[in-house]
Amino acid sequence: MSARRRSHRRTEPGADGTGAPSGWRGLVTPGRALVFLLLVAGIVFVFQNTGRTEIRLLVPVVTMPLWVALLIPGAIGLLTGMYLVRRR
C-alpha cells in the first residue's frame, strides 16, 4: 500500500477546477493596478510638460524640458529614501 501525502491547503477552484486563479482575477492585483495607474499618470505628466525651461545650477543657466527638471530632484529623493530605508 502506498501512502499519498495530501496537502491541507484549501484552494478555491478556478474555472477549470484546478484551484488556479482564472481570468483577470489572478492577473490584476491591487498593487499592479496602482503601478499601472502611476505609469499612466507619469506618461501624461511627461507629455503635458514638454516645454523648455531655464534653470540656474549654481552659476550656469541650463535649458531643459520641464519634465526633466522635475524628474531629477524626484530621482534624487527616491534614491535618498531607498538609501535611508536600507540603512535601518
PDB file of N, CA and C in Angstrom:
ATOM      1  N   MET A   1       0.822  -1.181   0.000  1.00  0.00           N
ATOM      2  CA  MET A   1       0.000   0.000   0.000  1.00  0.00           C
ATOM      3  C   MET A   1       0.870   1.250   0.000  1.00  0.00           C
ATOM      4  N   SER A   2       0.669   2.132  -0.926  1.00  0.00           N
ATOM      5  CA  SER A   2       1.462   3.350  -0.956  1.00  0.00           C
ATOM      6  C   SER A   2       0.681   4.473  -0.284  1.00  0.00           C
ATOM      7  N   ALA A   3       1.398   5.215   0.499  1.00  0.00           N
ATOM      8  CA  ALA A   3       0.757   6.328   1.214  1.00  0.00           C
ATOM      9  C   ALA A   3       0.966   7.606   0.416  1.00  0.00           C
ATOM     10  N   ARG A   4      -0.107   8.287   0.135  1.00  0.00           N
ATOM     11  CA  ARG A   4      -0.024   9.556  -0.571  1.00  0.00           C
ATOM     12  C   ARG A   4      -0.149  10.690   0.424  1.00  0.00           C
ATOM     13  N   ARG A   5       0.665  11.709   0.214  1.00  0.00           N
ATOM     14  CA  ARG A   5       0.577  12.896   1.058  1.00  0.00           C
ATOM     15  C   ARG A   5      -0.429  13.847   0.442  1.00  0.00           C
ATOM     16  N   ARG A   6      -1.289  14.325   1.250  1.00  0.00           N
ATOM     17  CA  ARG A   6      -2.269  15.292   0.773  1.00  0.00           C
ATOM     18  C   ARG A   6      -1.955  16.651   1.358  1.00  0.00           C
ATOM     19  N   SER A   7      -2.111  17.633   0.548  1.00  0.00           N
ATOM     20  CA  SER A   7      -1.907  18.994   1.004  1.00  0.00           C
ATOM     21  C   SER A   7      -3.136  19.429   1.785  1.00  0.00           C
ATOM     22  N   HIS A   8      -2.917  20.035   2.918  1.00  0.00           N
ATOM     23  CA  HIS A   8      -4.033  20.515   3.732  1.00  0.00           C
ATOM     24  C   HIS A   8      -4.399  21.953   3.394  1.00  0.00           C
ATOM     25  N   ARG A   9      -3.762  22.471   2.354  1.00  0.00           N
ATOM     26  CA  ARG A   9      -4.050  23.840   1.928  1.00  0.00           C
ATOM     27  C   ARG A   9      -5.360  23.840   1.152  1.00  0.00           C
ATOM     28  N   ARG A  10      -6.229  24.734   1.530  1.00  0.00           N
ATOM     29  CA  ARG A  10      -7.503  24.843   0.826  1.00  0.00           C
ATOM     30  C   ARG A  10      -7.385  25.848  -0.301  1.00  0.00           C
ATOM     31  N   THR A  11      -7.878  25.458  -1.431  1.00  0.00           N
ATOM     32  CA  THR A  11      -7.894  26.364  -2.567  1.00  0.00           C
ATOM     33  C   THR A  11      -9.296  26.422  -3.121  1.00  0.00           C
ATOM     34  N   GLU A  12      -9.637  27.582  -3.621  1.00  0.00           N
ATOM     35  CA  GLU A  12     -10.919  27.709  -4.284  1.00  0.00           C
ATOM     36  C   GLU A  12     -10.727  27.324  -5.736  1.00  0.00           C
ATOM     37  N   PRO A  13     -11.594  26.518  -6.240  1.00  0.00           N
ATOM     38  CA  PRO A  13     -11.403  26.103  -7.628  1.00  0.00           C
ATOM     39  C   PRO A  13     -11.589  27.249  -8.598  1.00  0.00           C
ATOM     40  N   GLY A  14     -10.776  27.236  -9.644  1.00  0.00           N
ATOM     41  CA  GLY A  14     -10.922  28.210 -10.710  1.00  0.00           C
ATOM     42  C   GLY A  14     -11.964  27.719 -11.690  1.00  0.00           C
ATOM     43  N   ALA A  15     -12.012  28.332 -12.822  1.00  0.00           N
ATOM     44  CA  ALA A  15     -12.995  27.953 -13.830  1.00  0.00           C
ATOM     45  C   ALA A  15     -12.758  26.529 -14.315  1.00  0.00           C
ATOM     46  N   ASP A  16     -11.497  26.085 -14.284  1.00  0.00           N
ATOM     47  CA  ASP A  16     -11.198  24.743 -14.771  1.00  0.00           C
ATOM     48  C   ASP A  16     -11.172  23.710 -13.653  1.00  0.00           C
ATOM     49  N   GLY A  17     -11.433  24.121 -12.399  1.00  0.00           N
ATOM     50  CA  GLY A  17     -11.490  23.185 -11.280  1.00  0.00           C
ATOM     51  C   GLY A  17     -10.140  22.809 -10.715  1.00  0.00           C
ATOM     52  N   THR A  18      -9.058  23.454 -11.136  1.00  0.00           N
ATOM     53  CA  THR A  18      -7.723  23.090 -10.675  1.00  0.00           C
ATOM     54  C   THR A  18      -7.286  23.848  -9.430  1.00  0.00           C
ATOM     55  N   GLY A  19      -8.015  24.861  -9.038  1.00  0.00           N
ATOM     56  CA  GLY A  19      -7.603  25.671  -7.898  1.00  0.00           C
ATOM     57  C   GLY A  19      -6.774  26.861  -8.292  1.00  0.00           C
ATOM     58  N   ALA A  20      -6.402  26.943  -9.553  1.00  0.00           N
ATOM     59  CA  ALA A  20      -5.613  28.073 -10.044  1.00  0.00           C
ATOM     60  C   ALA A  20      -6.536  29.258 -10.303  1.00  0.00           C
ATOM     61  N   PRO A  21      -6.058  30.478 -10.047  1.00  0.00           N
ATOM     62  CA  PRO A  21      -6.881  31.659 -10.344  1.00  0.00           C
ATOM     63  C   PRO A  21      -7.211  31.703 -11.828  1.00  0.00           C
ATOM     64  N   SER A  22      -8.403  32.120 -12.125  1.00  0.00           N
ATOM     65  CA  SER A  22      -8.810  32.135 -13.527  1.00  0.00           C
ATOM     66  C   SER A  22      -9.020  33.556 -14.020  1.00  0.00           C
ATOM     67  N   GLY A  23      -8.756  33.751 -15.286  1.00  0.00           N
ATOM     68  CA  GLY A  23      -9.041  35.029 -15.935  1.00  0.00           C
ATOM     69  C   GLY A  23      -8.250  36.177 -15.351  1.00  0.00           C
ATOM     70  N   TRP A  24      -8.918  37.317 -15.248  1.00  0.00           N
ATOM     71  CA  TRP A  24      -8.281  38.547 -14.792  1.00  0.00           C
ATOM     72  C   TRP A  24      -8.070  38.583 -13.297  1.00  0.00           C
ATOM     73  N   ARG A  25      -8.778  37.756 -12.526  1.00  0.00           N
ATOM     74  CA  ARG A  25      -8.650  37.799 -11.065  1.00  0.00           C
ATOM     75  C   ARG A  25      -7.230  37.553 -10.600  1.00  0.00           C
ATOM     76  N   GLY A  26      -6.544  36.616 -11.211  1.00  0.00           N
ATOM     77  CA  GLY A  26      -5.181  36.308 -10.807  1.00  0.00           C
ATOM     78  C   GLY A  26      -4.155  37.256 -11.400  1.00  0.00           C
ATOM     79  N   LEU A  27      -4.500  37.884 -12.497  1.00  0.00           N
ATOM     80  CA  LEU A  27      -3.552  38.751 -13.191  1.00  0.00           C
ATOM     81  C   LEU A  27      -3.543  40.164 -12.619  1.00  0.00           C
ATOM     82  N   VAL A  28      -4.705  40.690 -12.282  1.00  0.00           N
ATOM     83  CA  VAL A  28      -4.808  42.065 -11.793  1.00  0.00           C
ATOM     84  C   VAL A  28      -4.914  42.042 -10.279  1.00  0.00           C
ATOM     85  N   THR A  29      -3.878  42.565  -9.637  1.00  0.00           N
ATOM     86  CA  THR A  29      -3.877  42.701  -8.179  1.00  0.00           C
ATOM     87  C   THR A  29      -3.916  44.190  -7.849  1.00  0.00           C
ATOM     88  N   PRO A  30      -4.259  44.550  -6.628  1.00  0.00           N
ATOM     89  CA  PRO A  30      -4.278  45.980  -6.274  1.00  0.00           C
ATOM     90  C   PRO A  30      -2.924  46.657  -6.482  1.00  0.00           C
ATOM     91  N   GLY A  31      -1.842  45.968  -6.190  1.00  0.00           N
ATOM     92  CA  GLY A  31      -0.510  46.542  -6.381  1.00  0.00           C
ATOM     93  C   GLY A  31      -0.205  46.799  -7.850  1.00  0.00           C
ATOM     94  N   ARG A  32      -0.550  45.838  -8.696  1.00  0.00           N
ATOM     95  CA  ARG A  32      -0.309  46.007 -10.133  1.00  0.00           C
ATOM     96  C   ARG A  32      -1.184  47.113 -10.708  1.00  0.00           C
ATOM     97  N   ALA A  33      -2.415  47.205 -10.230  1.00  0.00           N
ATOM     98  CA  ALA A  33      -3.305  48.267 -10.705  1.00  0.00           C
ATOM     99  C   ALA A  33      -2.747  49.631 -10.315  1.00  0.00           C
ATOM    100  N   LEU A  34      -2.219  49.763  -9.095  1.00  0.00           N
ATOM    101  CA  LEU A  34      -1.635  51.027  -8.648  1.00  0.00           C
ATOM    102  C   LEU A  34      -0.411  51.387  -9.480  1.00  0.00           C
ATOM    103  N   VAL A  35       0.448  50.414  -9.740  1.00  0.00           N
ATOM    104  CA  VAL A  35       1.635  50.670 -10.565  1.00  0.00           C
ATOM    105  C   VAL A  35       1.219  51.105 -11.963  1.00  0.00           C
ATOM    106  N   PHE A  36       0.201  50.455 -12.532  1.00  0.00           N
ATOM    107  CA  PHE A  36      -0.279  50.827 -13.862  1.00  0.00           C
ATOM    108  C   PHE A  36      -0.820  52.257 -13.867  1.00  0.00           C
ATOM    109  N   LEU A  37      -1.596  52.625 -12.854  1.00  0.00           N
ATOM    110  CA  LEU A  37      -2.132  53.989 -12.784  1.00  0.00           C
ATOM    111  C   LEU A  37      -1.018  55.017 -12.630  1.00  0.00           C
ATOM    112  N   LEU A  38       0.002  54.713 -11.832  1.00  0.00           N
ATOM    113  CA  LEU A  38       1.133  55.624 -11.689  1.00  0.00           C
ATOM    114  C   LEU A  38       1.911  55.756 -12.991  1.00  0.00           C
ATOM    115  N   LEU A  39       2.035  54.670 -13.736  1.00  0.00           N
ATOM    116  CA  LEU A  39       2.708  54.702 -15.030  1.00  0.00           C
ATOM    117  C   LEU A  39       1.941  55.590 -16.013  1.00  0.00           C
ATOM    118  N   VAL A  40       0.635  55.433 -16.055  1.00  0.00           N
ATOM    119  CA  VAL A  40      -0.188  56.263 -16.937  1.00  0.00           C
ATOM    120  C   VAL A  40      -0.084  57.729 -16.530  1.00  0.00           C
ATOM    121  N   ALA A  41      -0.145  58.004 -15.227  1.00  0.00           N
ATOM    122  CA  ALA A  41      -0.025  59.388 -14.749  1.00  0.00           C
ATOM    123  C   ALA A  41       1.339  59.970 -15.119  1.00  0.00           C
ATOM    124  N   GLY A  42       2.386  59.171 -15.026  1.00  0.00           N
ATOM    125  CA  GLY A  42       3.720  59.640 -15.393  1.00  0.00           C
ATOM    126  C   GLY A  42       3.832  59.952 -16.875  1.00  0.00           C
ATOM    127  N   ILE A  43       3.235  59.111 -17.707  1.00  0.00           N
ATOM    128  CA  ILE A  43       3.270  59.354 -19.156  1.00  0.00           C
ATOM    129  C   ILE A  43       2.501  60.621 -19.499  1.00  0.00           C
ATOM    130  N   VAL A  44       1.331  60.810 -18.883  1.00  0.00           N
ATOM    131  CA  VAL A  44       0.549  62.031 -19.110  1.00  0.00           C
ATOM    132  C   VAL A  44       1.341  63.250 -18.646  1.00  0.00           C
ATOM    133  N   PHE A  45       2.013  63.147 -17.507  1.00  0.00           N
ATOM    134  CA  PHE A  45       2.817  64.246 -16.971  1.00  0.00           C
ATOM    135  C   PHE A  45       3.914  64.644 -17.954  1.00  0.00           C
ATOM    136  N   VAL A  46       4.592  63.659 -18.520  1.00  0.00           N
ATOM    137  CA  VAL A  46       5.675  63.947 -19.460  1.00  0.00           C
ATOM    138  C   VAL A  46       5.144  64.673 -20.688  1.00  0.00           C
ATOM    139  N   PHE A  47       4.039  64.191 -21.255  1.00  0.00           N
ATOM    140  CA  PHE A  47       3.510  64.808 -22.467  1.00  0.00           C
ATOM    141  C   PHE A  47       2.871  66.165 -22.207  1.00  0.00           C
ATOM    142  N   GLN A  48       2.455  66.445 -20.991  1.00  0.00           N
ATOM    143  CA  GLN A  48       1.890  67.747 -20.665  1.00  0.00           C
ATOM    144  C   GLN A  48       2.969  68.785 -20.367  1.00  0.00           C
ATOM    145  N   ASN A  49       4.175  68.343 -20.027  1.00  0.00           N
ATOM    146  CA  ASN A  49       5.243  69.258 -19.614  1.00  0.00           C
ATOM    147  C   ASN A  49       6.452  69.142 -20.537  1.00  0.00           C
ATOM    148  N   THR A  50       6.226  69.346 -21.822  1.00  0.00           N
ATOM    149  CA  THR A  50       7.322  69.239 -22.781  1.00  0.00           C
ATOM    150  C   THR A  50       8.008  70.576 -23.043  1.00  0.00           C
ATOM    151  N   GLY A  51       7.439  71.645 -22.521  1.00  0.00           N
ATOM    152  CA  GLY A  51       8.036  72.964 -22.739  1.00  0.00           C
ATOM    153  C   GLY A  51       9.401  73.091 -22.092  1.00  0.00           C
ATOM    154  N   ARG A  52      10.238  73.936 -22.668  1.00  0.00           N
ATOM    155  CA  ARG A  52      11.586  74.128 -22.137  1.00  0.00           C
ATOM    156  C   ARG A  52      11.567  75.204 -21.060  1.00  0.00           C
ATOM    157  N   THR A  53      12.445  75.028 -20.088  1.00  0.00           N
ATOM    158  CA  THR A  53      12.551  75.987 -19.001  1.00  0.00           C
ATOM    159  C   THR A  53      14.022  76.218 -18.672  1.00  0.00           C
ATOM    160  N   GLU A  54      14.309  77.396 -18.156  1.00  0.00           N
ATOM    161  CA  GLU A  54      15.683  77.729 -17.754  1.00  0.00           C
ATOM    162  C   GLU A  54      15.847  77.498 -16.263  1.00  0.00           C
ATOM    163  N   ILE A  55      16.934  76.838 -15.922  1.00  0.00           N
ATOM    164  CA  ILE A  55      17.223  76.535 -14.517  1.00  0.00           C
ATOM    165  C   ILE A  55      18.652  76.945 -14.234  1.00  0.00           C
ATOM    166  N   ARG A  56      18.837  77.633 -13.117  1.00  0.00           N
ATOM    167  CA  ARG A  56      20.184  78.049 -12.706  1.00  0.00           C
ATOM    168  C   ARG A  56      20.755  76.981 -11.786  1.00  0.00           C
ATOM    169  N   LEU A  57      21.870  76.374 -12.232  1.00  0.00           N
ATOM    170  CA  LEU A  57      22.590  75.396 -11.430  1.00  0.00           C
ATOM    171  C   LEU A  57      23.856  76.061 -10.909  1.00  0.00           C
ATOM    172  N   LEU A  58      23.768  76.647  -9.733  1.00  0.00           N
ATOM    173  CA  LEU A  58      24.821  77.435  -9.102  1.00  0.00           C
ATOM    174  C   LEU A  58      25.182  78.624  -9.995  1.00  0.00           C
ATOM    175  N   VAL A  59      26.032  78.484 -10.975  1.00  0.00           N
ATOM    176  CA  VAL A  59      26.411  79.611 -11.821  1.00  0.00           C
ATOM    177  C   VAL A  59      25.804  79.510 -13.223  1.00  0.00           C
ATOM    178  N   PRO A  60      25.925  78.358 -13.920  1.00  0.00           N
ATOM    179  CA  PRO A  60      25.417  78.325 -15.302  1.00  0.00           C
ATOM    180  C   PRO A  60      23.890  78.240 -15.345  1.00  0.00           C
ATOM    181  N   VAL A  61      23.335  78.737 -16.427  1.00  0.00           N
ATOM    182  CA  VAL A  61      21.902  78.617 -16.672  1.00  0.00           C
ATOM    183  C   VAL A  61      21.719  77.509 -17.711  1.00  0.00           C
ATOM    184  N   VAL A  62      20.903  76.519 -17.358  1.00  0.00           N
ATOM    185  CA  VAL A  62      20.684  75.349 -18.212  1.00  0.00           C
ATOM    186  C   VAL A  62      19.253  75.382 -18.707  1.00  0.00           C
ATOM    187  N   THR A  63      19.057  75.079 -19.983  1.00  0.00           N
ATOM    188  CA  THR A  63      17.723  74.984 -20.556  1.00  0.00           C
ATOM    189  C   THR A  63      17.413  73.518 -20.816  1.00  0.00           C
ATOM    190  N   MET A  64      16.285  73.056 -20.272  1.00  0.00           N
ATOM    191  CA  MET A  64      15.879  71.663 -20.448  1.00  0.00           C
ATOM    192  C   MET A  64      14.366  71.569 -20.375  1.00  0.00           C
ATOM    193  N   PRO A  65      13.792  70.461 -20.832  1.00  0.00           N
ATOM    194  CA  PRO A  65      12.352  70.291 -20.703  1.00  0.00           C
ATOM    195  C   PRO A  65      11.942  70.279 -19.226  1.00  0.00           C
ATOM    196  N   LEU A  66      10.758  70.795 -18.956  1.00  0.00           N
ATOM    197  CA  LEU A  66      10.288  70.897 -17.572  1.00  0.00           C
ATOM    198  C   LEU A  66      10.208  69.534 -16.908  1.00  0.00           C
ATOM    199  N   TRP A  67       9.772  68.507 -17.643  1.00  0.00           N
ATOM    200  CA  TRP A  67       9.636  67.193 -17.008  1.00  0.00           C
ATOM    201  C   TRP A  67      10.983  66.640 -16.562  1.00  0.00           C
ATOM    202  N   VAL A  68      12.054  66.944 -17.294  1.00  0.00           N
ATOM    203  CA  VAL A  68      13.388  66.502 -16.882  1.00  0.00           C
ATOM    204  C   VAL A  68      13.824  67.258 -15.631  1.00  0.00           C
ATOM    205  N   ALA A  69      13.510  68.562 -15.612  1.00  0.00           N
ATOM    206  CA  ALA A  69      13.874  69.377 -14.451  1.00  0.00           C
ATOM    207  C   ALA A  69      13.168  68.893 -13.190  1.00  0.00           C
ATOM    208  N   LEU A  70      11.969  68.366 -13.319  1.00  0.00           N
ATOM    209  CA  LEU A  70      11.254  67.833 -12.161  1.00  0.00           C
ATOM    210  C   LEU A  70      11.622  66.385 -11.865  1.00  0.00           C
ATOM    211  N   LEU A  71      12.036  65.645 -12.880  1.00  0.00           N
ATOM    212  CA  LEU A  71      12.414  64.244 -12.698  1.00  0.00           C
ATOM    213  C   LEU A  71      13.718  64.113 -11.905  1.00  0.00           C
ATOM    214  N   ILE A  72      14.654  65.002 -12.136  1.00  0.00           N
ATOM    215  CA  ILE A  72      15.968  64.905 -11.483  1.00  0.00           C
ATOM    216  C   ILE A  72      15.852  64.983  -9.961  1.00  0.00           C
ATOM    217  N   PRO A  73      15.203  66.012  -9.381  1.00  0.00           N
ATOM    218  CA  PRO A  73      15.091  66.010  -7.920  1.00  0.00           C
ATOM    219  C   PRO A  73      14.208  64.870  -7.401  1.00  0.00           C
ATOM    220  N   GLY A  74      13.235  64.432  -8.205  1.00  0.00           N
ATOM    221  CA  GLY A  74      12.423  63.287  -7.791  1.00  0.00           C
ATOM    222  C   GLY A  74      13.257  62.023  -7.691  1.00  0.00           C
ATOM    223  N   ALA A  75      14.124  61.804  -8.667  1.00  0.00           N
ATOM    224  CA  ALA A  75      15.003  60.634  -8.647  1.00  0.00           C
ATOM    225  C   ALA A  75      16.001  60.722  -7.495  1.00  0.00           C
ATOM    226  N   ILE A  76      16.518  61.911  -7.246  1.00  0.00           N
ATOM    227  CA  ILE A  76      17.447  62.092  -6.119  1.00  0.00           C
ATOM    228  C   ILE A  76      16.730  61.789  -4.805  1.00  0.00           C
ATOM    229  N   GLY A  77      15.500  62.254  -4.668  1.00  0.00           N
ATOM    230  CA  GLY A  77      14.716  61.971  -3.465  1.00  0.00           C
ATOM    231  C   GLY A  77      14.414  60.488  -3.308  1.00  0.00           C
ATOM    232  N   LEU A  78      14.081  59.824  -4.408  1.00  0.00           N
ATOM    233  CA  LEU A  78      13.807  58.388  -4.372  1.00  0.00           C
ATOM    234  C   LEU A  78      15.046  57.612  -3.948  1.00  0.00           C
ATOM    235  N   LEU A  79      16.179  57.925  -4.547  1.00  0.00           N
ATOM    236  CA  LEU A  79      17.417  57.226  -4.194  1.00  0.00           C
ATOM    237  C   LEU A  79      17.823  57.487  -2.754  1.00  0.00           C
ATOM    238  N   THR A  80      17.651  58.726  -2.284  1.00  0.00           N
ATOM    239  CA  THR A  80      17.957  59.052  -0.892  1.00  0.00           C
ATOM    240  C   THR A  80      17.060  58.270   0.055  1.00  0.00           C
ATOM    241  N   GLY A  81      15.770  58.207  -0.264  1.00  0.00           N
ATOM    242  CA  GLY A  81      14.840  57.444   0.568  1.00  0.00           C
ATOM    243  C   GLY A  81      15.182  55.967   0.595  1.00  0.00           C
ATOM    244  N   MET A  82      15.540  55.413  -0.557  1.00  0.00           N
ATOM    245  CA  MET A  82      15.918  53.996  -0.603  1.00  0.00           C
ATOM    246  C   MET A  82      17.181  53.742   0.215  1.00  0.00           C
ATOM    247  N   TYR A  83      18.114  54.662   0.155  1.00  0.00           N
ATOM    248  CA  TYR A  83      19.356  54.522   0.926  1.00  0.00           C
ATOM    249  C   TYR A  83      19.070  54.557   2.423  1.00  0.00           C
ATOM    250  N   LEU A  84      18.230  55.482   2.841  1.00  0.00           N
ATOM    251  CA  LEU A  84      17.927  55.616   4.267  1.00  0.00           C
ATOM    252  C   LEU A  84      17.137  54.434   4.785  1.00  0.00           C
ATOM    253  N   VAL A  85      16.232  53.894   4.016  1.00  0.00           N
ATOM    254  CA  VAL A  85      15.463  52.728   4.450  1.00  0.00           C
ATOM    255  C   VAL A  85      16.362  51.509   4.537  1.00  0.00           C
ATOM    256  N   ARG A  86      17.270  51.395   3.589  1.00  0.00           N
ATOM    257  CA  ARG A  86      18.179  50.239   3.593  1.00  0.00           C
ATOM    258  C   ARG A  86      19.124  50.273   4.777  1.00  0.00           C
ATOM    259  N   ARG A  87      19.490  51.445   5.249  1.00  0.00           N
ATOM    260  CA  ARG A  87      20.441  51.580   6.360  1.00  0.00           C
ATOM    261  C   ARG A  87      19.835  51.168   7.687  1.00  0.00           C
ATOM    262  N   ARG A  88      18.532  51.116   7.791  1.00  0.00           N
ATOM    263  CA  ARG A  88      17.902  50.772   9.084  1.00  0.00           C
ATOM    264  C   ARG A  88      18.068  49.340   9.436  1.00  0.00           C
TER     265      ARG A  88
END
